Amino acid sequence: MNKYEKNLGTLRLHVLKNKNDTAIFLANDISRKLKELRDIHHSDVLFLISGGSAFSVIDHISEDILGPYLTIGMLDERYDPSN
């Protein structure tokens, strides 16, 4: 995985070379946070993700993270003023 990291103030920017590496990187980070919310904070989680290519991240989230504490939903951010 070719990755370039840069700090912009307190923001850490990760630049990856292709979509699959990006999806895997993001899924690993999401899995880590979901595990923390489940095991340490004992929190129920509503995880909302954009549709389209961002939805491919779900395929890479670790299955052992899934459980009754977690609800996953998809958002559609397109806006149509005629509705």
Protein backbone atom coordinates (compact mmCIF):
# COMPACT_ATOMS: atom_id res chain seq x y z
CA MET A 1 0.00 0.00 0.00
CA ASN A 2 1.63 3.24 -1.15
CA LYS A 3 0.65 5.93 1.31
CA TYR A 4 1.66 9.54 1.80
CA GLU A 5 0.96 11.20 5.16
CA LYS A 6 0.94 14.88 5.94
CA ASN A 7 -0.14 16.89 8.98
CA LEU A 8 -2.18 20.04 8.45
CA GLY A 9 -2.39 21.56 11.91
CA THR A 10 -4.16 18.91 13.99
CA LEU A 11 -5.53 17.15 10.89
CA ARG A 12 -3.61 14.10 9.65
CA LEU A 13 -4.03 13.63 5.90
CA HIS A 14 -3.55 10.20 4.31
CA VAL A 15 -3.20 10.01 0.53
CA LEU A 16 -3.36 6.55 -1.04
CA LYS A 17 -2.75 5.57 -4.64
CA ASN A 18 -5.93 3.64 -5.49
CA LYS A 19 -9.55 3.17 -4.42
CA ASN A 20 -9.15 -0.33 -3.03
CA ASP A 21 -6.24 0.64 -0.75
CA THR A 22 -8.24 3.67 0.38
CA ALA A 23 -11.32 1.54 1.17
CA ILE A 24 -9.23 -0.97 3.15
CA PHE A 25 -7.42 1.78 5.08
CA LEU A 26 -10.70 3.51 5.95
CA ALA A 27 -12.41 0.23 6.88
CA ASN A 28 -9.57 -0.67 9.25
CA ASP A 29 -9.85 2.73 10.94
CA ILE A 30 -13.65 2.45 11.20
CA SER A 31 -13.35 -1.11 12.56
CA ARG A 32 -10.92 0.09 15.23
CA LYS A 33 -13.28 2.87 16.34
CA LEU A 34 -16.36 0.61 16.31
CA LYS A 35 -14.51 -1.95 18.43
CA GLU A 36 -13.58 0.81 20.89
CA LEU A 37 -17.20 2.00 21.12
CA ARG A 38 -18.39 -1.58 21.66
CA ASP A 39 -15.75 -2.82 24.12
CA ILE A 40 -14.77 0.27 26.11
CA HIS A 41 -17.77 2.61 25.98
CA HIS A 42 -20.47 -0.09 25.60
CA SER A 43 -22.29 2.24 23.19
CA ASP A 44 -24.96 1.55 20.62
CA VAL A 45 -23.86 2.96 17.27
CA LEU A 46 -25.72 4.38 14.27
CA PHE A 47 -23.15 4.36 11.46
CA LEU A 48 -24.24 6.34 8.39
CA ILE A 49 -22.23 6.13 5.18
CA SER A 50 -22.63 7.77 1.80
CA GLY A 51 -23.75 5.63 -1.11
CA GLY A 52 -21.79 5.16 -4.30
CA SER A 53 -18.09 4.35 -4.13
CA ALA A 54 -17.88 5.15 -0.40
CA PHE A 55 -20.22 2.23 0.24
CA SER A 56 -17.47 -0.20 -0.83
CA VAL A 57 -15.83 0.45 2.55
CA ILE A 58 -18.50 -1.75 4.17
CA ASP A 59 -17.09 -4.81 2.34
CA HIS A 60 -13.79 -4.41 4.19
CA ILE A 61 -15.09 -3.83 7.74
CA SER A 62 -14.15 -6.73 9.97
CA GLU A 63 -17.11 -9.11 10.46
CA ASP A 64 -16.31 -9.63 14.15
CA ILE A 65 -17.20 -5.96 14.68
CA LEU A 66 -20.81 -6.50 13.58
CA GLY A 67 -23.43 -7.11 16.24
CA PRO A 68 -26.73 -5.97 17.73
CA TYR A 69 -25.16 -2.73 19.05
CA LEU A 70 -24.50 -1.55 15.47
CA THR A 71 -26.96 -0.19 12.91
CA ILE A 72 -25.59 0.73 9.48
CA GLY A 73 -27.47 3.06 7.15
CA MET A 74 -26.80 4.60 3.77
CA LEU A 75 -27.29 8.28 2.95
CA ASP A 76 -27.95 9.82 -0.44
CA GLU A 77 -26.40 13.28 -0.47
CA ARG A 78 -27.75 14.23 -3.89
CA TYR A 79 -30.03 17.24 -3.81
CA ASP A 80 -32.85 17.89 -6.27
CA PRO A 81 -34.54 21.28 -5.78
CA SER A 82 -37.57 20.12 -7.81
CA ASN A 83 -38.69 17.78 -4.98
